PDB file of N, CA and C in Angstrom:
ATOM      1  N   MET A   1     230.602  36.024  50.996  1.00  0.00           N
ATOM      2  CA  MET A   1     231.670  36.749  51.645  1.00  0.00           C
ATOM      3  C   MET A   1     232.719  37.176  50.627  1.00  0.00           C
ATOM      4  N   ASN A   2     233.011  36.320  49.665  1.00  0.00           N
ATOM      5  CA  ASN A   2     234.003  36.680  48.639  1.00  0.00           C
ATOM      6  C   ASN A   2     233.565  37.914  47.862  1.00  0.00           C
ATOM      7  N   LYS A   3     232.282  37.961  47.510  1.00  0.00           N
ATOM      8  CA  LYS A   3     231.785  39.119  46.771  1.00  0.00           C
ATOM      9  C   LYS A   3     231.846  40.379  47.635  1.00  0.00           C
ATOM     10  N   LYS A   4     231.520  40.226  48.909  1.00  0.00           N
ATOM     11  CA  LYS A   4     231.560  41.359  49.837  1.00  0.00           C
ATOM     12  C   LYS A   4     232.986  41.887  50.003  1.00  0.00           C
ATOM     13  N   MET A   5     233.962  41.014  49.991  1.00  0.00           N
ATOM     14  CA  MET A   5     235.351  41.393  50.233  1.00  0.00           C
ATOM     15  C   MET A   5     236.042  41.955  48.994  1.00  0.00           C
ATOM     16  N   GLU A   6     235.352  42.017  47.876  1.00  0.00           N
ATOM     17  CA  GLU A   6     235.958  42.553  46.658  1.00  0.00           C
ATOM     18  C   GLU A   6     236.182  44.060  46.716  1.00  0.00           C
ATOM     19  N   SER A   7     235.373  44.767  47.468  1.00  0.00           N
ATOM     20  CA  SER A   7     235.529  46.218  47.527  1.00  0.00           C
ATOM     21  C   SER A   7     236.712  46.595  48.414  1.00  0.00           C
ATOM     22  N   THR A   8     237.359  47.682  48.082  1.00  0.00           N
ATOM     23  CA  THR A   8     238.525  48.116  48.864  1.00  0.00           C
ATOM     24  C   THR A   8     238.112  48.596  50.252  1.00  0.00           C
ATOM     25  N   GLU A   9     236.913  49.158  50.368  1.00  0.00           N
ATOM     26  CA  GLU A   9     236.433  49.612  51.674  1.00  0.00           C
ATOM     27  C   GLU A   9     236.256  48.433  52.634  1.00  0.00           C
ATOM     28  N   ALA A  10     235.669  47.357  52.132  1.00  0.00           N
ATOM     29  CA  ALA A  10     235.463  46.167  52.960  1.00  0.00           C
ATOM     30  C   ALA A  10     236.801  45.561  53.367  1.00  0.00           C
ATOM     31  N   LYS A  11     237.754  45.562  52.473  1.00  0.00           N
ATOM     32  CA  LYS A  11     239.081  45.021  52.800  1.00  0.00           C
ATOM     33  C   LYS A  11     239.750  45.826  53.896  1.00  0.00           C
ATOM     34  N   SER A  12     239.644  47.152  53.827  1.00  0.00           N
ATOM     35  CA  SER A  12     240.293  47.984  54.840  1.00  0.00           C
ATOM     36  C   SER A  12     239.624  47.802  56.206  1.00  0.00           C
ATOM     37  N   VAL A  13     238.302  47.658  56.220  1.00  0.00           N
ATOM     38  CA  VAL A  13     237.600  47.430  57.485  1.00  0.00           C
ATOM     39  C   VAL A  13     237.991  46.080  58.055  1.00  0.00           C
ATOM     40  N   TYR A  14     238.068  45.074  57.221  1.00  0.00           N
ATOM     41  CA  TYR A  14     238.404  43.728  57.675  1.00  0.00           C
ATOM     42  C   TYR A  14     239.846  43.664  58.180  1.00  0.00           C
ATOM     43  N   GLU A  15     240.757  44.408  57.560  1.00  0.00           N
ATOM     44  CA  GLU A  15     242.149  44.419  57.987  1.00  0.00           C
ATOM     45  C   GLU A  15     242.301  45.030  59.376  1.00  0.00           C
ATOM     46  N   ARG A  16     241.446  45.979  59.713  1.00  0.00           N
ATOM     47  CA  ARG A  16     241.521  46.622  61.032  1.00  0.00           C
ATOM     48  C   ARG A  16     241.208  45.651  62.157  1.00  0.00           C
ATOM     49  N   ARG A  17     240.462  44.580  61.864  1.00  0.00           N
ATOM     50  CA  ARG A  17     240.127  43.588  62.887  1.00  0.00           C
ATOM     51  C   ARG A  17     241.386  42.955  63.465  1.00  0.00           C
ATOM     52  N   LYS A  18     242.416  42.785  62.636  1.00  0.00           N
ATOM     53  CA  LYS A  18     243.660  42.175  63.106  1.00  0.00           C
ATOM     54  C   LYS A  18     244.298  43.002  64.201  1.00  0.00           C
ATOM     55  N   VAL A  19     244.091  44.294  64.161  1.00  0.00           N
ATOM     56  CA  VAL A  19     244.734  45.195  65.105  1.00  0.00           C
ATOM     57  C   VAL A  19     243.840  45.484  66.305  1.00  0.00           C
ATOM     58  N   ILE A  20     242.547  45.605  66.069  1.00  0.00           N
ATOM     59  CA  ILE A  20     241.641  46.079  67.122  1.00  0.00           C
ATOM     60  C   ILE A  20     241.039  44.934  67.942  1.00  0.00           C
ATOM     61  N   ALA A  21     240.366  44.019  67.304  1.00  0.00           N
ATOM     62  CA  ALA A  21     239.546  43.065  68.050  1.00  0.00           C
ATOM     63  C   ALA A  21     240.182  41.706  68.282  1.00  0.00           C
ATOM     64  N   GLU A  22     240.916  41.206  67.368  1.00  0.00           N
ATOM     65  CA  GLU A  22     241.355  39.824  67.460  1.00  0.00           C
ATOM     66  C   GLU A  22     242.443  39.554  68.498  1.00  0.00           C
ATOM     67  N   PRO A  23     243.478  40.380  68.650  1.00  0.00           N
ATOM     68  CA  PRO A  23     244.559  40.034  69.581  1.00  0.00           C
ATOM     69  C   PRO A  23     244.131  39.779  71.026  1.00  0.00           C
ATOM     70  N   PRO A  24     243.275  40.602  71.632  1.00  0.00           N
ATOM     71  CA  PRO A  24     242.909  40.303  73.024  1.00  0.00           C
ATOM     72  C   PRO A  24     242.231  38.950  73.203  1.00  0.00           C
ATOM     73  N   PHE A  25     241.379  38.571  72.265  1.00  0.00           N
ATOM     74  CA  PHE A  25     240.711  37.277  72.383  1.00  0.00           C
ATOM     75  C   PHE A  25     241.719  36.138  72.252  1.00  0.00           C
ATOM     76  N   GLY A  26     242.659  36.279  71.353  1.00  0.00           N
ATOM     77  CA  GLY A  26     243.704  35.260  71.224  1.00  0.00           C
ATOM     78  C   GLY A  26     244.573  35.187  72.459  1.00  0.00           C
ATOM     79  N   GLN A  27     244.921  36.331  73.032  1.00  0.00           N
ATOM     80  CA  GLN A  27     245.734  36.353  74.241  1.00  0.00           C
ATOM     81  C   GLN A  27     244.986  35.727  75.412  1.00  0.00           C
ATOM     82  N   ILE A  28     243.695  35.986  75.508  1.00  0.00           N
ATOM     83  CA  ILE A  28     242.901  35.388  76.583  1.00  0.00           C
ATOM     84  C   ILE A  28     242.832  33.880  76.408  1.00  0.00           C
ATOM     85  N   LYS A  29     242.639  33.416  75.184  1.00  0.00           N
ATOM     86  CA  LYS A  29     242.596  31.973  74.942  1.00  0.00           C
ATOM     87  C   LYS A  29     243.934  31.317  75.231  1.00  0.00           C
ATOM     88  N   ASN A  30     245.039  31.988  74.869  1.00  0.00           N
ATOM     89  CA  ASN A  30     246.360  31.423  75.118  1.00  0.00           C
ATOM     90  C   ASN A  30     246.707  31.384  76.596  1.00  0.00           C
ATOM     91  N   SER A  31     246.053  32.220  77.395  1.00  0.00           N
ATOM     92  CA  SER A  31     246.333  32.203  78.829  1.00  0.00           C
ATOM     93  C   SER A  31     245.590  31.077  79.538  1.00  0.00           C
ATOM     94  N   GLY A  32     244.762  30.348  78.827  1.00  0.00           N
ATOM     95  CA  GLY A  32     244.128  29.176  79.406  1.00  0.00           C
ATOM     96  C   GLY A  32     242.614  29.201  79.456  1.00  0.00           C
ATOM     97  N   PHE A  33     242.000  30.321  79.159  1.00  0.00           N
ATOM     98  CA  PHE A  33     240.537  30.385  79.192  1.00  0.00           C
ATOM     99  C   PHE A  33     239.984  29.825  77.894  1.00  0.00           C
ATOM    100  N   ARG A  34     239.257  28.726  78.001  1.00  0.00           N
ATOM    101  CA  ARG A  34     238.709  28.086  76.803  1.00  0.00           C
ATOM    102  C   ARG A  34     237.194  27.999  76.797  1.00  0.00           C
ATOM    103  N   GLY A  35     236.570  28.154  77.924  1.00  0.00           N
ATOM    104  CA  GLY A  35     235.113  28.065  77.941  1.00  0.00           C
ATOM    105  C   GLY A  35     234.563  28.569  79.263  1.00  0.00           C
ATOM    106  N   PHE A  36     233.271  28.749  79.305  1.00  0.00           N
ATOM    107  CA  PHE A  36     232.632  29.277  80.494  1.00  0.00           C
ATOM    108  C   PHE A  36     232.244  28.151  81.438  1.00  0.00           C
ATOM    109  N   SER A  37     232.354  28.426  82.728  1.00  0.00           N
ATOM    110  CA  SER A  37     232.014  27.434  83.742  1.00  0.00           C
ATOM    111  C   SER A  37     230.558  27.532  84.164  1.00  0.00           C
ATOM    112  N   LEU A  38     229.954  28.662  83.914  1.00  0.00           N
ATOM    113  CA  LEU A  38     228.594  28.920  84.368  1.00  0.00           C
ATOM    114  C   LEU A  38     227.616  28.903  83.205  1.00  0.00           C
ATOM    115  N   ARG A  39     226.333  28.892  83.544  1.00  0.00           N
ATOM    116  CA  ARG A  39     225.273  28.917  82.535  1.00  0.00           C
ATOM    117  C   ARG A  39     224.408  30.156  82.759  1.00  0.00           C
ATOM    118  N   GLY A  40     223.837  30.645  81.708  1.00  0.00           N
ATOM    119  CA  GLY A  40     222.965  31.808  81.794  1.00  0.00           C
ATOM    120  C   GLY A  40     223.692  33.052  81.319  1.00  0.00           C
ATOM    121  N   LYS A  41     222.948  33.901  80.643  1.00  0.00           N
ATOM    122  CA  LYS A  41     223.530  35.081  80.012  1.00  0.00           C
ATOM    123  C   LYS A  41     224.193  36.016  81.026  1.00  0.00           C
ATOM    124  N   GLU A  42     223.532  36.281  82.143  1.00  0.00           N
ATOM    125  CA  GLU A  42     224.091  37.192  83.146  1.00  0.00           C
ATOM    126  C   GLU A  42     225.346  36.612  83.794  1.00  0.00           C
ATOM    127  N   LYS A  43     225.323  35.323  84.098  1.00  0.00           N
ATOM    128  CA  LYS A  43     226.471  34.691  84.744  1.00  0.00           C
ATOM    129  C   LYS A  43     227.656  34.618  83.794  1.00  0.00           C
ATOM    130  N   VAL A  44     227.390  34.316  82.529  1.00  0.00           N
ATOM    131  CA  VAL A  44     228.462  34.275  81.532  1.00  0.00           C
ATOM    132  C   VAL A  44     229.051  35.665  81.334  1.00  0.00           C
ATOM    133  N   ALA A  45     228.207  36.687  81.297  1.00  0.00           N
ATOM    134  CA  ALA A  45     228.690  38.061  81.160  1.00  0.00           C
ATOM    135  C   ALA A  45     229.574  38.444  82.339  1.00  0.00           C
ATOM    136  N   ALA A  46     229.185  38.043  83.538  1.00  0.00           N
ATOM    137  CA  ALA A  46     229.989  38.336  84.725  1.00  0.00           C
ATOM    138  C   ALA A  46     231.323  37.598  84.679  1.00  0.00           C
ATOM    139  N   GLU A  47     231.291  36.337  84.265  1.00  0.00           N
ATOM    140  CA  GLU A  47     232.528  35.560  84.162  1.00  0.00           C
ATOM    141  C   GLU A  47     233.461  36.151  83.111  1.00  0.00           C
ATOM    142  N   PHE A  48     232.905  36.568  81.988  1.00  0.00           N
ATOM    143  CA  PHE A  48     233.729  37.158  80.935  1.00  0.00           C
ATOM    144  C   PHE A  48     234.317  38.495  81.390  1.00  0.00           C
ATOM    145  N   SER A  49     233.544  39.274  82.135  1.00  0.00           N
ATOM    146  CA  SER A  49     234.069  40.527  82.684  1.00  0.00           C
ATOM    147  C   SER A  49     235.241  40.258  83.617  1.00  0.00           C
ATOM    148  N   LEU A  50     235.136  39.218  84.411  1.00  0.00           N
ATOM    149  CA  LEU A  50     236.226  38.852  85.313  1.00  0.00           C
ATOM    150  C   LEU A  50     237.470  38.437  84.541  1.00  0.00           C
ATOM    151  N   VAL A  51     237.282  37.660  83.481  1.00  0.00           N
ATOM    152  CA  VAL A  51     238.407  37.232  82.645  1.00  0.00           C
ATOM    153  C   VAL A  51     239.068  38.444  81.990  1.00  0.00           C
ATOM    154  N   CYS A  52     238.261  39.372  81.472  1.00  0.00           N
ATOM    155  CA  CYS A  52     238.808  40.576  80.838  1.00  0.00           C
ATOM    156  C   CYS A  52     239.531  41.458  81.846  1.00  0.00           C
ATOM    157  N   THR A  53     238.995  41.559  83.052  1.00  0.00           N
ATOM    158  CA  THR A  53     239.650  42.348  84.097  1.00  0.00           C
ATOM    159  C   THR A  53     241.004  41.748  84.440  1.00  0.00           C
ATOM    160  N   ALA A  54     241.054  40.435  84.583  1.00  0.00           N
ATOM    161  CA  ALA A  54     242.324  39.768  84.873  1.00  0.00           C
ATOM    162  C   ALA A  54     243.327  40.002  83.737  1.00  0.00           C
ATOM    163  N   HIS A  55     242.850  39.949  82.511  1.00  0.00           N
ATOM    164  CA  HIS A  55     243.720  40.188  81.358  1.00  0.00           C
ATOM    165  C   HIS A  55     244.288  41.601  81.391  1.00  0.00           C
ATOM    166  N   ASN A  56     243.442  42.585  81.680  1.00  0.00           N
ATOM    167  CA  ASN A  56     243.894  43.973  81.735  1.00  0.00           C
ATOM    168  C   ASN A  56     244.864  44.212  82.886  1.00  0.00           C
ATOM    169  N   ILE A  57     244.626  43.574  84.032  1.00  0.00           N
ATOM    170  CA  ILE A  57     245.556  43.712  85.157  1.00  0.00           C
ATOM    171  C   ILE A  57     246.913  43.120  84.801  1.00  0.00           C
ATOM    172  N   LYS A  58     246.904  41.969  84.129  1.00  0.00           N
ATOM    173  CA  LYS A  58     248.169  41.365  83.698  1.00  0.00           C
ATOM    174  C   LYS A  58     248.927  42.285  82.752  1.00  0.00           C
ATOM    175  N   LYS A  59     248.209  42.942  81.842  1.00  0.00           N
ATOM    176  CA  LYS A  59     248.854  43.875  80.919  1.00  0.00           C
ATOM    177  C   LYS A  59     249.425  45.069  81.669  1.00  0.00           C
ATOM    178  N   PHE A  60     248.687  45.566  82.656  1.00  0.00           N
ATOM    179  CA  PHE A  60     249.143  46.715  83.433  1.00  0.00           C
ATOM    180  C   PHE A  60     250.397  46.361  84.237  1.00  0.00           C
ATOM    181  N   VAL A  61     250.389  45.202  84.875  1.00  0.00           N
ATOM    182  CA  VAL A  61     251.546  44.772  85.666  1.00  0.00           C
ATOM    183  C   VAL A  61     252.763  44.587  84.764  1.00  0.00           C
ATOM    184  N   LYS A  62     252.564  43.998  83.602  1.00  0.00           N
ATOM    185  CA  LYS A  62     253.680  43.813  82.678  1.00  0.00           C
ATOM    186  C   LYS A  62     254.239  45.154  82.225  1.00  0.00           C
ATOM    187  N   ALA A  63     253.366  46.095  81.929  1.00  0.00           N
ATOM    188  CA  ALA A  63     253.817  47.423  81.502  1.00  0.00           C
ATOM    189  C   ALA A  63     254.566  48.132  82.631  1.00  0.00           C
ATOM    190  N   ALA A  64     254.115  47.951  83.861  1.00  0.00           N
ATOM    191  CA  ALA A  64     254.771  48.602  84.999  1.00  0.00           C
ATOM    192  C   ALA A  64     256.127  47.969  85.293  1.00  0.00           C
ATOM    193  N   THR A  65     256.231  46.645  85.152  1.00  0.00           N
ATOM    194  CA  THR A  65     257.499  45.980  85.461  1.00  0.00           C
ATOM    195  C   THR A  65     258.534  46.154  84.362  1.00  0.00           C
ATOM    196  N   THR A  66     258.098  46.326  83.135  1.00  0.00           N
ATOM    197  CA  THR A  66     259.064  46.519  82.042  1.00  0.00           C
ATOM    198  C   THR A  66     259.438  47.978  81.864  1.00  0.00           C
ATOM    199  N   GLY A  67     258.749  48.868  82.561  1.00  0.00           N
ATOM    200  CA  GLY A  67     259.059  50.287  82.473  1.00  0.00           C
ATOM    201  C   GLY A  67     258.328  51.022  81.366  1.00  0.00           C
ATOM    202  N   SER A  68     257.356  50.373  80.737  1.00  0.00           N
ATOM    203  CA  SER A  68     256.579  51.044  79.693  1.00  0.00           C
ATOM    204  C   SER A  68     255.779  52.202  80.261  1.00  0.00           C
ATOM    205  N   ILE A  69     255.290  52.020  81.480  1.00  0.00           N
ATOM    206  CA  ILE A  69     254.614  53.111  82.177  1.00  0.00           C
ATOM    207  C   ILE A  69     255.239  53.228  83.559  1.00  0.00           C
ATOM    208  N   ARG A  70     255.201  54.414  84.103  1.00  0.00           N
ATOM    209  CA  ARG A  70     255.734  54.630  85.442  1.00  0.00           C
ATOM    210  C   ARG A  70     254.572  54.852  86.386  1.00  0.00           C
ATOM    211  N   LEU A  71     254.637  54.226  87.546  1.00  0.00           N
ATOM    212  CA  LEU A  71     253.559  54.345  88.505  1.00  0.00           C
ATOM    213  C   LEU A  71     253.427  55.768  89.028  1.00  0.00           C
ATOM    214  N   ASP A  72     254.513  56.535  89.026  1.00  0.00           N
ATOM    215  CA  ASP A  72     254.434  57.933  89.444  1.00  0.00           C
ATOM    216  C   ASP A  72     253.499  58.722  88.527  1.00  0.00           C
ATOM    217  N   ASP A  73     253.555  58.432  87.227  1.00  0.00           N
ATOM    218  CA  ASP A  73     252.674  59.113  86.274  1.00  0.00           C
ATOM    219  C   ASP A  73     251.211  58.779  86.544  1.00  0.00           C
ATOM    220  N   VAL A  74     250.945  57.535  86.909  1.00  0.00           N
ATOM    221  CA  VAL A  74     249.577  57.116  87.207  1.00  0.00           C
ATOM    222  C   VAL A  74     249.075  57.860  88.432  1.00  0.00           C
ATOM    223  N   ARG A  75     249.921  57.998  89.438  1.00  0.00           N
ATOM    224  CA  ARG A  75     249.523  58.728  90.655  1.00  0.00           C
ATOM    225  C   ARG A  75     249.229  60.196  90.336  1.00  0.00           C
ATOM    226  N   LYS A  76     250.038  60.805  89.496  1.00  0.00           N
ATOM    227  CA  LYS A  76     249.827  62.205  89.131  1.00  0.00           C
ATOM    228  C   LYS A  76     248.482  62.395  88.420  1.00  0.00           C
ATOM    229  N   VAL A  77     248.168  61.498  87.524  1.00  0.00           N
ATOM    230  CA  VAL A  77     246.901  61.574  86.803  1.00  0.00           C
ATOM    231  C   VAL A  77     245.734  61.394  87.771  1.00  0.00           C
ATOM    232  N   LYS A  78     245.892  60.454  88.701  1.00  0.00           N
ATOM    233  CA  LYS A  78     244.831  60.204  89.673  1.00  0.00           C
ATOM    234  C   LYS A  78     244.630  61.423  90.569  1.00  0.00           C
ATOM    235  N   GLU A  79     245.706  62.080  90.992  1.00  0.00           N
ATOM    236  CA  GLU A  79     245.597  63.253  91.848  1.00  0.00           C
ATOM    237  C   GLU A  79     244.976  64.422  91.094  1.00  0.00           C
ATOM    238  N   ALA A  80     245.237  64.533  89.813  1.00  0.00           N
ATOM    239  CA  ALA A  80     244.701  65.637  89.011  1.00  0.00           C
ATOM    240  C   ALA A  80     243.189  65.504  88.794  1.00  0.00           C
ATOM    241  N   ALA A  81     242.693  64.280  88.841  1.00  0.00           N
ATOM    242  CA  ALA A  81     241.259  64.042  88.562  1.00  0.00           C
ATOM    243  C   ALA A  81     240.383  64.361  89.712  1.00  0.00           C
TER     244      ALA A  81
END
């Protein structure tokens, strides 16, 4: 890994992980999800989808209550579609 990380291209790709992939997983873990309750690939995938959906709903509610997004704008976009 050290040899792989010597190139500037590899460093820039690895740095992007901090912004793109890592924060949601950390936020999900900090909210209390630490492991799966079910067994089997399909059941685990369904459980993880539920956890991700709950995480996204929490983000949406927080954005709506703090005024980051306005619900009127969401309605306008929905009507336009």
